Amino acid sequence: MADLFHYFSGDLQFASNGDLQVVQSVQESQQRILRRLLTNQLDYWWHGEYGAGLPSYVGKPVNKSAMETLIKTQMYLEQSVVQSPQPQVTYNDFFAGLSALIQYVETDTQQQQTLSFSAKI
């Protein structure tokens, strides 16, 4: 069953016929990864362990290597991310935000995908 088209912090999307738009394959994978990385733990009270909580690190001193490991660890929890080869993560933080560039192989297509995002205060 496909997920609804809903990027993190955005609105639901509607199809041309007025129905809610669904998402599959690569877009679904990227939506799920973003949701997992940008959701704080305990925000989903029924799944308290869900989420990496990356926005909570904005403005705090963070070990770059540890953050890249956190991102990879969370990505491995998504079925749409192939475990081998490992995702490649480039994490950067700056005074008022953070950014990440992720390259990973997506399960459905078996092709490398690139996902980038940023979070700011």
Protein backbone atom coordinates (compact mmCIF):
# COMPACT_ATOMS: atom_id res chain seq x y z
CA MET A 1 0.00 0.00 0.00
CA ALA A 2 1.40 3.39 -0.97
CA ASP A 3 1.83 6.31 1.41
CA LEU A 4 0.22 9.69 0.96
CA PHE A 5 2.32 12.34 -0.76
CA HIS A 6 3.47 14.41 2.22
CA TYR A 7 6.94 15.89 2.56
CA PHE A 8 8.05 16.67 6.10
CA SER A 9 6.47 19.91 7.37
CA GLY A 10 4.50 20.37 4.15
CA ASP A 11 0.85 19.94 3.27
CA LEU A 12 -0.84 16.89 1.84
CA GLN A 13 -0.92 16.95 -1.96
CA PHE A 14 -3.99 16.47 -4.10
CA ALA A 15 -4.24 14.76 -7.47
CA SER A 16 -5.92 16.47 -10.43
CA ASN A 17 -9.17 14.60 -9.68
CA GLY A 18 -9.26 15.96 -6.11
CA ASP A 19 -8.22 12.74 -4.38
CA LEU A 20 -5.28 12.71 -2.03
CA GLN A 21 -2.12 12.00 -4.00
CA VAL A 22 -0.15 8.86 -3.18
CA VAL A 23 3.58 8.36 -3.49
CA GLN A 24 5.61 5.29 -4.32
CA SER A 25 9.15 4.07 -4.85
CA VAL A 26 11.89 6.73 -4.72
CA GLN A 27 9.69 9.63 -3.55
CA GLU A 28 8.16 7.44 -0.85
CA SER A 29 11.63 6.39 0.27
CA GLN A 30 12.83 9.99 0.48
CA GLN A 31 9.72 11.13 2.36
CA ARG A 32 10.19 8.36 4.91
CA ILE A 33 13.90 9.08 5.37
CA LEU A 34 13.26 12.81 5.88
CA ARG A 35 10.45 12.12 8.34
CA ARG A 36 12.66 9.75 10.34
CA LEU A 37 15.69 12.07 10.41
CA LEU A 38 13.77 15.26 11.22
CA THR A 39 11.36 13.83 13.82
CA ASN A 40 12.37 14.14 17.47
CA GLN A 41 12.26 11.02 19.60
CA LEU A 42 9.12 10.89 21.74
CA ASP A 43 7.20 13.07 19.23
CA TYR A 44 5.22 9.96 18.24
CA TRP A 45 4.08 8.85 21.67
CA TRP A 46 3.07 5.41 20.38
CA HIS A 47 6.57 4.93 18.88
CA GLY A 48 8.83 6.78 21.32
CA GLU A 49 12.05 5.42 19.84
CA TYR A 50 11.22 6.67 16.32
CA GLY A 51 13.27 9.52 14.89
CA ALA A 52 16.78 10.94 14.89
CA GLY A 53 15.79 14.42 16.04
CA LEU A 54 18.33 16.23 13.86
CA PRO A 55 16.70 19.68 14.30
CA SER A 56 17.34 19.44 18.05
CA TYR A 57 21.08 19.61 17.31
CA VAL A 58 20.92 22.97 15.55
CA GLY A 59 23.16 25.49 17.31
CA LYS A 60 24.85 22.87 19.50
CA PRO A 61 28.42 21.61 19.15
CA VAL A 62 28.24 18.21 17.46
CA ASN A 63 30.84 15.64 16.44
CA LYS A 64 30.52 15.39 12.65
CA SER A 65 31.46 11.70 12.56
CA ALA A 66 28.94 10.83 15.27
CA MET A 67 26.21 12.70 13.41
CA GLU A 68 26.96 10.90 10.14
CA THR A 69 26.78 7.59 12.04
CA LEU A 70 23.42 8.59 13.59
CA ILE A 71 22.03 9.37 10.14
CA LYS A 72 23.24 6.05 8.69
CA THR A 73 21.89 4.11 11.66
CA GLN A 74 18.45 5.68 11.25
CA MET A 75 18.49 5.07 7.49
CA TYR A 76 19.11 1.36 8.04
CA LEU A 77 15.75 1.22 9.81
CA GLU A 78 13.97 2.09 6.55
CA GLN A 79 13.14 -0.87 4.30
CA SER A 80 13.69 1.26 1.20
CA VAL A 81 17.41 1.70 1.93
CA VAL A 82 19.77 -1.02 0.69
CA GLN A 83 22.26 -1.99 3.42
CA SER A 84 25.15 -2.70 1.06
CA PRO A 85 26.61 -0.56 -0.32
CA GLN A 86 26.33 1.68 2.71
CA PRO A 87 24.74 5.10 2.40
CA GLN A 88 27.27 7.90 2.04
CA VAL A 89 26.53 10.84 4.32
CA THR A 90 28.06 14.31 4.31
CA TYR A 91 26.91 16.30 7.33
CA ASN A 92 27.61 19.99 7.91
CA ASP A 93 26.54 22.24 10.71
CA PHE A 94 26.67 25.99 10.92
CA PHE A 95 25.65 28.62 13.45
CA ALA A 96 21.92 28.62 12.74
CA GLY A 97 21.39 25.26 11.08
CA LEU A 98 22.58 22.00 9.65
CA SER A 99 22.60 20.30 6.28
CA ALA A 100 23.17 16.82 4.96
CA LEU A 101 23.81 15.24 1.60
CA ILE A 102 22.98 11.54 1.45
CA GLN A 103 23.63 9.07 -1.34
CA TYR A 104 22.04 5.66 -1.00
CA VAL A 105 20.72 2.79 -3.10
CA GLU A 106 16.93 2.57 -3.07
CA THR A 107 15.37 -0.91 -2.79
CA ASP A 108 12.71 -0.75 -5.53
CA THR A 109 14.89 0.68 -8.28
CA GLN A 110 18.26 -0.68 -7.09
CA GLN A 111 19.70 2.65 -8.21
CA GLN A 112 21.67 5.28 -6.33
CA GLN A 113 19.59 8.18 -5.09
CA THR A 114 20.65 11.54 -3.72
CA LEU A 115 18.79 13.27 -0.93
CA SER A 116 19.77 16.60 0.56
CA PHE A 117 18.09 18.71 3.21
CA SER A 118 18.73 21.45 5.70
CA ALA A 119 17.23 22.47 9.02
CA LYS A 120 17.48 25.99 10.42
CA ILE A 121 16.53 27.81 13.57
